[in-house]
């Protein structure tokens, strides 16, 4: 990091991701699919519906949606604050399912 302002881009955001990102934006008509307070409606980002850290598919188009930068950043901040959902164990075989719309 340089003075706390520069964060190197992850290699996964190049190549294949650029192609998938373009397809998702086109599929969703470049319109934000989230619509939180402060939404600009003009999608420039692609959001993982179920965060990858929670087991969501990185490249899976069904786990991706177009988002404006404001909504994408807001959901990213929420996902970092909340713990991943619990995993099934022998003691607790039933685990609540994730709501794909991320309505927290």
PDB file of N, CA and C in Angstrom:
ATOM      1  N   UNK A   1       0.831  -1.183   0.000  1.00  0.00           N
ATOM      2  CA  UNK A   1       0.000   0.000   0.000  1.00  0.00           C
ATOM      3  C   UNK A   1       0.869   1.238   0.000  1.00  0.00           C
ATOM      4  N   UNK A   2       0.448   2.216  -0.703  1.00  0.00           N
ATOM      5  CA  UNK A   2       1.141   3.498  -0.730  1.00  0.00           C
ATOM      6  C   UNK A   2       0.311   4.524   0.024  1.00  0.00           C
ATOM      7  N   UNK A   3       0.790   4.936   1.152  1.00  0.00           N
ATOM      8  CA  UNK A   3       0.092   5.935   1.961  1.00  0.00           C
ATOM      9  C   UNK A   3      -1.352   5.552   2.262  1.00  0.00           C
ATOM     10  N   UNK A   4      -1.643   4.265   2.271  1.00  0.00           N
ATOM     11  CA  UNK A   4      -2.982   3.815   2.593  1.00  0.00           C
ATOM     12  C   UNK A   4      -4.020   4.080   1.515  1.00  0.00           C
ATOM     13  N   UNK A   5      -3.608   4.520   0.343  1.00  0.00           N
ATOM     14  CA  UNK A   5      -4.572   4.871  -0.697  1.00  0.00           C
ATOM     15  C   UNK A   5      -4.605   3.880  -1.853  1.00  0.00           C
ATOM     16  N   UNK A   6      -3.586   3.077  -1.997  1.00  0.00           N
ATOM     17  CA  UNK A   6      -3.499   2.177  -3.137  1.00  0.00           C
ATOM     18  C   UNK A   6      -3.656   0.744  -2.682  1.00  0.00           C
ATOM     19  N   UNK A   7      -4.584   0.057  -3.300  1.00  0.00           N
ATOM     20  CA  UNK A   7      -4.780  -1.345  -2.999  1.00  0.00           C
ATOM     21  C   UNK A   7      -4.611  -2.123  -4.309  1.00  0.00           C
ATOM     22  N   UNK A   8      -3.638  -3.019  -4.384  1.00  0.00           N
ATOM     23  CA  UNK A   8      -3.437  -3.734  -5.633  1.00  0.00           C
ATOM     24  C   UNK A   8      -4.678  -4.543  -6.022  1.00  0.00           C
ATOM     25  N   UNK A   9      -4.940  -4.566  -7.303  1.00  0.00           N
ATOM     26  CA  UNK A   9      -6.102  -5.290  -7.803  1.00  0.00           C
ATOM     27  C   UNK A   9      -5.850  -6.791  -7.741  1.00  0.00           C
ATOM     28  N   UNK A  10      -6.865  -7.531  -7.286  1.00  0.00           N
ATOM     29  CA  UNK A  10      -6.736  -8.978  -7.227  1.00  0.00           C
ATOM     30  C   UNK A  10      -6.674  -9.527  -8.650  1.00  0.00           C
ATOM     31  N   UNK A  11      -5.827 -10.532  -8.895  1.00  0.00           N
ATOM     32  CA  UNK A  11      -5.714 -11.088 -10.239  1.00  0.00           C
ATOM     33  C   UNK A  11      -7.038 -11.640 -10.771  1.00  0.00           C
ATOM     34  N   UNK A  12      -7.942 -12.061  -9.888  1.00  0.00           N
ATOM     35  CA  UNK A  12      -9.200 -12.645 -10.334  1.00  0.00           C
ATOM     36  C   UNK A  12     -10.102 -11.598 -10.975  1.00  0.00           C
ATOM     37  N   UNK A  13      -9.819 -10.299 -10.778  1.00  0.00           N
ATOM     38  CA  UNK A  13     -10.624  -9.256 -11.396  1.00  0.00           C
ATOM     39  C   UNK A  13     -10.170  -8.908 -12.808  1.00  0.00           C
ATOM     40  N   UNK A  14      -9.301  -9.694 -13.382  1.00  0.00           N
ATOM     41  CA  UNK A  14      -8.878  -9.451 -14.752  1.00  0.00           C
ATOM     42  C   UNK A  14      -9.265 -10.650 -15.613  1.00  0.00           C
ATOM     43  N   UNK A  15      -9.075 -10.568 -16.894  1.00  0.00           N
ATOM     44  CA  UNK A  15      -9.323 -11.683 -17.798  1.00  0.00           C
ATOM     45  C   UNK A  15     -10.756 -12.180 -17.794  1.00  0.00           C
ATOM     46  N   UNK A  16     -10.955 -13.372 -17.264  1.00  0.00           N
ATOM     47  CA  UNK A  16     -12.266 -14.025 -17.262  1.00  0.00           C
ATOM     48  C   UNK A  16     -13.320 -13.169 -16.554  1.00  0.00           C
ATOM     49  N   UNK A  17     -12.942 -12.510 -15.453  1.00  0.00           N
ATOM     50  CA  UNK A  17     -13.905 -11.690 -14.708  1.00  0.00           C
ATOM     51  C   UNK A  17     -14.441 -10.554 -15.577  1.00  0.00           C
ATOM     52  N   UNK A  18     -13.578  -9.931 -16.366  1.00  0.00           N
ATOM     53  CA  UNK A  18     -14.014  -8.826 -17.222  1.00  0.00           C
ATOM     54  C   UNK A  18     -15.094  -9.284 -18.198  1.00  0.00           C
ATOM     55  N   UNK A  19     -14.934 -10.477 -18.741  1.00  0.00           N
ATOM     56  CA  UNK A  19     -15.916 -11.028 -19.675  1.00  0.00           C
ATOM     57  C   UNK A  19     -17.240 -11.300 -18.968  1.00  0.00           C
ATOM     58  N   UNK A  20     -17.178 -11.950 -17.817  1.00  0.00           N
ATOM     59  CA  UNK A  20     -18.395 -12.268 -17.066  1.00  0.00           C
ATOM     60  C   UNK A  20     -19.079 -10.982 -16.604  1.00  0.00           C
ATOM     61  N   UNK A  21     -18.301 -10.030 -16.119  1.00  0.00           N
ATOM     62  CA  UNK A  21     -18.839  -8.748 -15.660  1.00  0.00           C
ATOM     63  C   UNK A  21     -19.609  -8.064 -16.784  1.00  0.00           C
ATOM     64  N   UNK A  22     -19.035  -8.018 -17.979  1.00  0.00           N
ATOM     65  CA  UNK A  22     -19.701  -7.393 -19.121  1.00  0.00           C
ATOM     66  C   UNK A  22     -21.006  -8.106 -19.452  1.00  0.00           C
ATOM     67  N   UNK A  23     -21.004  -9.426 -19.378  1.00  0.00           N
ATOM     68  CA  UNK A  23     -22.220 -10.199 -19.665  1.00  0.00           C
ATOM     69  C   UNK A  23     -23.321  -9.927 -18.640  1.00  0.00           C
ATOM     70  N   UNK A  24     -22.951  -9.849 -17.360  1.00  0.00           N
ATOM     71  CA  UNK A  24     -23.938  -9.606 -16.310  1.00  0.00           C
ATOM     72  C   UNK A  24     -24.524  -8.198 -16.447  1.00  0.00           C
ATOM     73  N   UNK A  25     -23.680  -7.211 -16.693  1.00  0.00           N
ATOM     74  CA  UNK A  25     -24.167  -5.845 -16.880  1.00  0.00           C
ATOM     75  C   UNK A  25     -25.123  -5.770 -18.074  1.00  0.00           C
ATOM     76  N   UNK A  26     -24.774  -6.459 -19.154  1.00  0.00           N
ATOM     77  CA  UNK A  26     -25.638  -6.484 -20.339  1.00  0.00           C
ATOM     78  C   UNK A  26     -26.950  -7.205 -20.036  1.00  0.00           C
ATOM     79  N   UNK A  27     -26.859  -8.355 -19.355  1.00  0.00           N
ATOM     80  CA  UNK A  27     -28.052  -9.138 -19.001  1.00  0.00           C
ATOM     81  C   UNK A  27     -29.031  -8.295 -18.186  1.00  0.00           C
ATOM     82  N   UNK A  28     -28.508  -7.509 -17.242  1.00  0.00           N
ATOM     83  CA  UNK A  28     -29.350  -6.721 -16.346  1.00  0.00           C
ATOM     84  C   UNK A  28     -29.618  -5.311 -16.873  1.00  0.00           C
ATOM     85  N   UNK A  29     -29.244  -5.064 -18.114  1.00  0.00           N
ATOM     86  CA  UNK A  29     -29.542  -3.772 -18.733  1.00  0.00           C
ATOM     87  C   UNK A  29     -28.830  -2.593 -18.108  1.00  0.00           C
ATOM     88  N   UNK A  30     -27.659  -2.826 -17.509  1.00  0.00           N
ATOM     89  CA  UNK A  30     -26.881  -1.766 -16.847  1.00  0.00           C
ATOM     90  C   UNK A  30     -27.721  -1.009 -15.818  1.00  0.00           C
ATOM     91  N   UNK A  31     -28.677  -1.718 -15.193  1.00  0.00           N
ATOM     92  CA  UNK A  31     -29.542  -1.133 -14.176  1.00  0.00           C
ATOM     93  C   UNK A  31     -29.264  -1.828 -12.845  1.00  0.00           C
ATOM     94  N   UNK A  32     -29.088  -1.048 -11.803  1.00  0.00           N
ATOM     95  CA  UNK A  32     -28.824  -1.606 -10.475  1.00  0.00           C
ATOM     96  C   UNK A  32     -29.993  -2.488 -10.041  1.00  0.00           C
ATOM     97  N   UNK A  33     -29.687  -3.702  -9.621  1.00  0.00           N
ATOM     98  CA  UNK A  33     -30.693  -4.662  -9.204  1.00  0.00           C
ATOM     99  C   UNK A  33     -30.934  -4.639  -7.700  1.00  0.00           C
ATOM    100  N   UNK A  34     -30.238  -3.753  -6.977  1.00  0.00           N
ATOM    101  CA  UNK A  34     -30.325  -3.736  -5.523  1.00  0.00           C
ATOM    102  C   UNK A  34     -31.253  -2.629  -5.034  1.00  0.00           C
ATOM    103  N   UNK A  35     -30.979  -1.388  -5.377  1.00  0.00           N
ATOM    104  CA  UNK A  35     -31.866  -0.275  -5.060  1.00  0.00           C
ATOM    105  C   UNK A  35     -31.905   0.155  -3.605  1.00  0.00           C
ATOM    106  N   UNK A  36     -30.765   0.227  -2.944  1.00  0.00           N
ATOM    107  CA  UNK A  36     -30.711   0.733  -1.578  1.00  0.00           C
ATOM    108  C   UNK A  36     -30.826   2.256  -1.575  1.00  0.00           C
ATOM    109  N   UNK A  37     -30.929   2.825  -0.390  1.00  0.00           N
ATOM    110  CA  UNK A  37     -30.944   4.272  -0.244  1.00  0.00           C
ATOM    111  C   UNK A  37     -29.653   4.836  -0.840  1.00  0.00           C
ATOM    112  N   UNK A  38     -29.754   5.819  -1.705  1.00  0.00           N
ATOM    113  CA  UNK A  38     -28.577   6.393  -2.356  1.00  0.00           C
ATOM    114  C   UNK A  38     -28.242   5.733  -3.682  1.00  0.00           C
ATOM    115  N   UNK A  39     -29.097   4.842  -4.152  1.00  0.00           N
ATOM    116  CA  UNK A  39     -28.884   4.129  -5.412  1.00  0.00           C
ATOM    117  C   UNK A  39     -28.916   5.108  -6.581  1.00  0.00           C
ATOM    118  N   UNK A  40     -27.974   4.961  -7.499  1.00  0.00           N
ATOM    119  CA  UNK A  40     -27.934   5.815  -8.688  1.00  0.00           C
ATOM    120  C   UNK A  40     -28.671   5.177  -9.863  1.00  0.00           C
ATOM    121  N   UNK A  41     -29.059   3.939  -9.744  1.00  0.00           N
ATOM    122  CA  UNK A  41     -29.723   3.095 -10.754  1.00  0.00           C
ATOM    123  C   UNK A  41     -28.832   2.732 -11.931  1.00  0.00           C
ATOM    124  N   UNK A  42     -27.739   3.437 -12.168  1.00  0.00           N
ATOM    125  CA  UNK A  42     -26.820   3.131 -13.270  1.00  0.00           C
ATOM    126  C   UNK A  42     -25.774   2.142 -12.783  1.00  0.00           C
ATOM    127  N   UNK A  43     -25.899   0.886 -13.205  1.00  0.00           N
ATOM    128  CA  UNK A  43     -24.993  -0.167 -12.743  1.00  0.00           C
ATOM    129  C   UNK A  43     -23.637  -0.068 -13.423  1.00  0.00           C
ATOM    130  N   UNK A  44     -22.595  -0.033 -12.605  1.00  0.00           N
ATOM    131  CA  UNK A  44     -21.225  -0.051 -13.100  1.00  0.00           C
ATOM    132  C   UNK A  44     -20.423  -1.172 -12.448  1.00  0.00           C
ATOM    133  N   UNK A  45     -21.035  -1.879 -11.510  1.00  0.00           N
ATOM    134  CA  UNK A  45     -20.378  -2.955 -10.767  1.00  0.00           C
ATOM    135  C   UNK A  45     -21.198  -4.234 -10.883  1.00  0.00           C
ATOM    136  N   UNK A  46     -20.581  -5.337 -10.511  1.00  0.00           N
ATOM    137  CA  UNK A  46     -21.291  -6.614 -10.424  1.00  0.00           C
ATOM    138  C   UNK A  46     -21.134  -7.119  -9.002  1.00  0.00           C
ATOM    139  N   UNK A  47     -22.257  -7.469  -8.382  1.00  0.00           N
ATOM    140  CA  UNK A  47     -22.303  -7.883  -6.986  1.00  0.00           C
ATOM    141  C   UNK A  47     -22.521  -9.386  -6.882  1.00  0.00           C
ATOM    142  N   UNK A  48     -21.827 -10.023  -5.939  1.00  0.00           N
ATOM    143  CA  UNK A  48     -22.093 -11.424  -5.614  1.00  0.00           C
ATOM    144  C   UNK A  48     -23.270 -11.451  -4.643  1.00  0.00           C
ATOM    145  N   UNK A  49     -24.343 -12.105  -5.018  1.00  0.00           N
ATOM    146  CA  UNK A  49     -25.535 -12.158  -4.176  1.00  0.00           C
ATOM    147  C   UNK A  49     -25.201 -12.830  -2.851  1.00  0.00           C
ATOM    148  N   UNK A  50     -24.622 -14.025  -2.909  1.00  0.00           N
ATOM    149  CA  UNK A  50     -24.098 -14.683  -1.719  1.00  0.00           C
ATOM    150  C   UNK A  50     -22.591 -14.477  -1.753  1.00  0.00           C
ATOM    151  N   UNK A  51     -22.019 -13.777  -0.770  1.00  0.00           N
ATOM    152  CA  UNK A  51     -20.584 -13.494  -0.801  1.00  0.00           C
ATOM    153  C   UNK A  51     -19.752 -14.762  -0.988  1.00  0.00           C
ATOM    154  N   UNK A  52     -18.682 -14.627  -1.717  1.00  0.00           N
ATOM    155  CA  UNK A  52     -17.781 -15.758  -1.969  1.00  0.00           C
ATOM    156  C   UNK A  52     -17.262 -16.305  -0.646  1.00  0.00           C
ATOM    157  N   UNK A  53     -17.001 -15.430   0.319  1.00  0.00           N
ATOM    158  CA  UNK A  53     -16.503 -15.872   1.621  1.00  0.00           C
ATOM    159  C   UNK A  53     -17.537 -16.690   2.382  1.00  0.00           C
ATOM    160  N   UNK A  54     -18.799 -16.616   1.968  1.00  0.00           N
ATOM    161  CA  UNK A  54     -19.869 -17.386   2.587  1.00  0.00           C
ATOM    162  C   UNK A  54     -20.208 -18.622   1.765  1.00  0.00           C
ATOM    163  N   UNK A  55     -19.449 -18.871   0.714  1.00  0.00           N
ATOM    164  CA  UNK A  55     -19.674 -20.068  -0.100  1.00  0.00           C
ATOM    165  C   UNK A  55     -20.354 -19.804  -1.426  1.00  0.00           C
ATOM    166  N   UNK A  56     -20.580 -18.565  -1.771  1.00  0.00           N
ATOM    167  CA  UNK A  56     -21.191 -18.239  -3.064  1.00  0.00           C
ATOM    168  C   UNK A  56     -20.201 -18.467  -4.194  1.00  0.00           C
ATOM    169  N   UNK A  57     -20.718 -18.806  -5.351  1.00  0.00           N
ATOM    170  CA  UNK A  57     -19.864 -19.065  -6.516  1.00  0.00           C
ATOM    171  C   UNK A  57     -19.274 -17.789  -7.081  1.00  0.00           C
ATOM    172  N   UNK A  58     -17.968 -17.793  -7.304  1.00  0.00           N
ATOM    173  CA  UNK A  58     -17.285 -16.610  -7.821  1.00  0.00           C
ATOM    174  C   UNK A  58     -17.719 -16.309  -9.248  1.00  0.00           C
ATOM    175  N   UNK A  59     -17.780 -17.344 -10.100  1.00  0.00           N
ATOM    176  CA  UNK A  59     -18.044 -17.166 -11.517  1.00  0.00           C
ATOM    177  C   UNK A  59     -19.482 -17.494 -11.904  1.00  0.00           C
ATOM    178  N   UNK A  60     -20.317 -17.921 -10.980  1.00  0.00           N
ATOM    179  CA  UNK A  60     -21.667 -18.395 -11.271  1.00  0.00           C
ATOM    180  C   UNK A  60     -22.604 -17.230 -11.607  1.00  0.00           C
ATOM    181  N   UNK A  61     -23.099 -17.136 -12.857  1.00  0.00           N
ATOM    182  CA  UNK A  61     -23.972 -16.024 -13.228  1.00  0.00           C
ATOM    183  C   UNK A  61     -25.237 -15.924 -12.376  1.00  0.00           C
ATOM    184  N   UNK A  62     -25.706 -17.051 -11.833  1.00  0.00           N
ATOM    185  CA  UNK A  62     -26.898 -16.993 -10.985  1.00  0.00           C
ATOM    186  C   UNK A  62     -26.593 -16.375  -9.613  1.00  0.00           C
ATOM    187  N   UNK A  63     -25.313 -16.215  -9.283  1.00  0.00           N
ATOM    188  CA  UNK A  63     -24.913 -15.580  -8.024  1.00  0.00           C
ATOM    189  C   UNK A  63     -24.441 -14.141  -8.259  1.00  0.00           C
ATOM    190  N   UNK A  64     -24.639 -13.622  -9.452  1.00  0.00           N
ATOM    191  CA  UNK A  64     -24.166 -12.287  -9.798  1.00  0.00           C
ATOM    192  C   UNK A  64     -25.327 -11.409 -10.250  1.00  0.00           C
ATOM    193  N   UNK A  65     -25.221 -10.113  -9.935  1.00  0.00           N
ATOM    194  CA  UNK A  65     -26.225  -9.151 -10.386  1.00  0.00           C
ATOM    195  C   UNK A  65     -25.551  -7.788 -10.564  1.00  0.00           C
ATOM    196  N   UNK A  66     -26.131  -6.982 -11.448  1.00  0.00           N
ATOM    197  CA  UNK A  66     -25.618  -5.641 -11.700  1.00  0.00           C
ATOM    198  C   UNK A  66     -25.930  -4.751 -10.503  1.00  0.00           C
ATOM    199  N   UNK A  67     -25.007  -3.850 -10.196  1.00  0.00           N
ATOM    200  CA  UNK A  67     -25.187  -2.952  -9.044  1.00  0.00           C
ATOM    201  C   UNK A  67     -24.508  -1.620  -9.322  1.00  0.00           C
ATOM    202  N   UNK A  68     -25.080  -0.562  -8.764  1.00  0.00           N
ATOM    203  CA  UNK A  68     -24.388   0.726  -8.817  1.00  0.00           C
ATOM    204  C   UNK A  68     -23.282   0.682  -7.756  1.00  0.00           C
ATOM    205  N   UNK A  69     -22.344   1.586  -7.851  1.00  0.00           N
ATOM    206  CA  UNK A  69     -21.221   1.579  -6.917  1.00  0.00           C
ATOM    207  C   UNK A  69     -21.674   1.799  -5.483  1.00  0.00           C
ATOM    208  N   UNK A  70     -22.648   2.679  -5.261  1.00  0.00           N
ATOM    209  CA  UNK A  70     -23.122   2.950  -3.900  1.00  0.00           C
ATOM    210  C   UNK A  70     -23.704   1.702  -3.246  1.00  0.00           C
ATOM    211  N   UNK A  71     -24.587   1.007  -3.960  1.00  0.00           N
ATOM    212  CA  UNK A  71     -25.213  -0.202  -3.404  1.00  0.00           C
ATOM    213  C   UNK A  71     -24.183  -1.306  -3.197  1.00  0.00           C
ATOM    214  N   UNK A  72     -23.273  -1.468  -4.151  1.00  0.00           N
ATOM    215  CA  UNK A  72     -22.258  -2.515  -4.045  1.00  0.00           C
ATOM    216  C   UNK A  72     -21.367  -2.288  -2.827  1.00  0.00           C
ATOM    217  N   UNK A  73     -20.956  -1.054  -2.599  1.00  0.00           N
ATOM    218  CA  UNK A  73     -20.111  -0.752  -1.447  1.00  0.00           C
ATOM    219  C   UNK A  73     -20.879  -0.928  -0.136  1.00  0.00           C
ATOM    220  N   UNK A  74     -22.138  -0.540  -0.117  1.00  0.00           N
ATOM    221  CA  UNK A  74     -22.942  -0.684   1.103  1.00  0.00           C
ATOM    222  C   UNK A  74     -23.115  -2.153   1.472  1.00  0.00           C
ATOM    223  N   UNK A  75     -23.398  -2.999   0.494  1.00  0.00           N
ATOM    224  CA  UNK A  75     -23.568  -4.417   0.780  1.00  0.00           C
ATOM    225  C   UNK A  75     -22.241  -5.077   1.164  1.00  0.00           C
ATOM    226  N   UNK A  76     -21.161  -4.622   0.547  1.00  0.00           N
ATOM    227  CA  UNK A  76     -19.849  -5.153   0.913  1.00  0.00           C
ATOM    228  C   UNK A  76     -19.511  -4.839   2.362  1.00  0.00           C
ATOM    229  N   UNK A  77     -19.835  -3.628   2.795  1.00  0.00           N
ATOM    230  CA  UNK A  77     -19.587  -3.241   4.189  1.00  0.00           C
ATOM    231  C   UNK A  77     -20.442  -4.079   5.137  1.00  0.00           C
ATOM    232  N   UNK A  78     -21.695  -4.327   4.779  1.00  0.00           N
ATOM    233  CA  UNK A  78     -22.559  -5.160   5.621  1.00  0.00           C
ATOM    234  C   UNK A  78     -22.027  -6.587   5.712  1.00  0.00           C
ATOM    235  N   UNK A  79     -21.593  -7.129   4.594  1.00  0.00           N
ATOM    236  CA  UNK A  79     -21.089  -8.512   4.581  1.00  0.00           C
ATOM    237  C   UNK A  79     -19.841  -8.643   5.447  1.00  0.00           C
ATOM    238  N   UNK A  80     -18.997  -7.611   5.464  1.00  0.00           N
ATOM    239  CA  UNK A  80     -17.790  -7.672   6.295  1.00  0.00           C
ATOM    240  C   UNK A  80     -18.117  -7.582   7.780  1.00  0.00           C
ATOM    241  N   UNK A  81     -19.209  -6.902   8.127  1.00  0.00           N
ATOM    242  CA  UNK A  81     -19.606  -6.768   9.529  1.00  0.00           C
ATOM    243  C   UNK A  81     -20.249  -8.033  10.081  1.00  0.00           C
ATOM    244  N   UNK A  82     -20.996  -8.720   9.237  1.00  0.00           N
ATOM    245  CA  UNK A  82     -21.720  -9.910   9.678  1.00  0.00           C
ATOM    246  C   UNK A  82     -20.870 -11.160   9.505  1.00  0.00           C
ATOM    247  N   UNK A  83     -21.083 -12.086  10.399  1.00  0.00           N
ATOM    248  CA  UNK A  83     -20.367 -13.357  10.297  1.00  0.00           C
ATOM    249  C   UNK A  83     -20.971 -14.202   9.197  1.00  0.00           C
ATOM    250  N   UNK A  84     -20.170 -15.124   8.647  1.00  0.00           N
ATOM    251  CA  UNK A  84     -20.726 -16.063   7.674  1.00  0.00           C
ATOM    252  C   UNK A  84     -21.814 -16.907   8.334  1.00  0.00           C
ATOM    253  N   UNK A  85     -22.750 -17.413   7.541  1.00  0.00           N
ATOM    254  CA  UNK A  85     -23.804 -18.236   8.126  1.00  0.00           C
ATOM    255  C   UNK A  85     -23.224 -19.515   8.712  1.00  0.00           C
ATOM    256  N   UNK A  86     -23.905 -20.112   9.700  1.00  0.00           N
ATOM    257  CA  UNK A  86     -23.398 -21.338  10.303  1.00  0.00           C
ATOM    258  C   UNK A  86     -23.427 -22.495   9.316  1.00  0.00           C
ATOM    259  N   UNK A  87     -22.550 -23.457   9.544  1.00  0.00           N
ATOM    260  CA  UNK A  87     -22.518 -24.651   8.693  1.00  0.00           C
ATOM    261  C   UNK A  87     -23.161 -25.804   9.451  1.00  0.00           C
ATOM    262  N   UNK A  88     -23.759 -26.760   8.726  1.00  0.00           N
ATOM    263  CA  UNK A  88     -24.401 -27.889   9.410  1.00  0.00           C
ATOM    264  C   UNK A  88     -23.382 -28.717  10.195  1.00  0.00           C
ATOM    265  N   UNK A  89     -23.789 -29.192  11.347  1.00  0.00           N
ATOM    266  CA  UNK A  89     -22.965 -30.091  12.150  1.00  0.00           C
ATOM    267  C   UNK A  89     -23.833 -31.257  12.587  1.00  0.00           C
ATOM    268  N   UNK A  90     -23.223 -32.245  13.197  1.00  0.00           N
ATOM    269  CA  UNK A  90     -23.996 -33.378  13.707  1.00  0.00           C
ATOM    270  C   UNK A  90     -24.945 -32.921  14.817  1.00  0.00           C
ATOM    271  N   UNK A  91     -24.512 -31.921  15.606  1.00  0.00           N
ATOM    272  CA  UNK A  91     -25.338 -31.405  16.686  1.00  0.00           C
ATOM    273  C   UNK A  91     -26.496 -30.549  16.168  1.00  0.00           C
ATOM    274  N   UNK A  92     -26.277 -29.875  15.037  1.00  0.00           N
ATOM    275  CA  UNK A  92     -27.277 -28.967  14.480  1.00  0.00           C
ATOM    276  C   UNK A  92     -27.383 -29.199  12.970  1.00  0.00           C
ATOM    277  N   UNK A  93     -28.138 -30.232  12.554  1.00  0.00           N
ATOM    278  CA  UNK A  93     -28.202 -30.540  11.125  1.00  0.00           C
ATOM    279  C   UNK A  93     -29.000 -29.528  10.312  1.00  0.00           C
ATOM    280  N   UNK A  94     -29.846 -28.755  10.965  1.00  0.00           N
ATOM    281  CA  UNK A  94     -30.613 -27.753  10.222  1.00  0.00           C
ATOM    282  C   UNK A  94     -29.959 -26.403  10.374  1.00  0.00           C
ATOM    283  N   UNK A  95     -29.752 -25.750   9.260  1.00  0.00           N
ATOM    284  CA  UNK A  95     -29.116 -24.447   9.247  1.00  0.00           C
ATOM    285  C   UNK A  95     -30.011 -23.511   8.453  1.00  0.00           C
ATOM    286  N   UNK A  96     -30.243 -22.305   8.938  1.00  0.00           N
ATOM    287  CA  UNK A  96     -31.074 -21.378   8.167  1.00  0.00           C
ATOM    288  C   UNK A  96     -30.457 -21.099   6.804  1.00  0.00           C
ATOM    289  N   UNK A  97     -31.288 -20.969   5.799  1.00  0.00           N
ATOM    290  CA  UNK A  97     -30.788 -20.690   4.456  1.00  0.00           C
ATOM    291  C   UNK A  97     -30.592 -19.198   4.276  1.00  0.00           C
ATOM    292  N   UNK A  98     -29.687 -18.843   3.360  1.00  0.00           N
ATOM    293  CA  UNK A  98     -29.435 -17.438   3.060  1.00  0.00           C
ATOM    294  C   UNK A  98     -30.537 -16.899   2.174  1.00  0.00           C
ATOM    295  N   UNK A  99     -30.953 -15.692   2.420  1.00  0.00           N
ATOM    296  CA  UNK A  99     -31.889 -15.007   1.547  1.00  0.00           C
ATOM    297  C   UNK A  99     -31.072 -14.382   0.423  1.00  0.00           C
ATOM    298  N   UNK A 100     -31.308 -14.810  -0.816  1.00  0.00           N
ATOM    299  CA  UNK A 100     -30.479 -14.361  -1.920  1.00  0.00           C
ATOM    300  C   UNK A 100     -30.573 -12.863  -2.188  1.00  0.00           C
ATOM    301  N   UNK A 101     -31.572 -12.191  -1.637  1.00  0.00           N
ATOM    302  CA  UNK A 101     -31.690 -10.748  -1.875  1.00  0.00           C
ATOM    303  C   UNK A 101     -30.914  -9.942  -0.838  1.00  0.00           C
ATOM    304  N   UNK A 102     -30.311 -10.598   0.139  1.00  0.00           N
ATOM    305  CA  UNK A 102     -29.507  -9.930   1.165  1.00  0.00           C
ATOM    306  C   UNK A 102     -30.304  -8.866   1.906  1.00  0.00           C
ATOM    307  N   UNK A 103     -31.502  -9.144   2.315  1.00  0.00           N
ATOM    308  CA  UNK A 103     -32.302  -8.169   3.035  1.00  0.00           C
ATOM    309  C   UNK A 103     -31.983  -8.257   4.521  1.00  0.00           C
ATOM    310  N   UNK A 104     -30.972  -7.510   4.949  1.00  0.00           N
ATOM    311  CA  UNK A 104     -30.539  -7.547   6.351  1.00  0.00           C
ATOM    312  C   UNK A 104     -31.214  -6.474   7.098  1.00  0.00           C
TER     313      UNK A 104
END
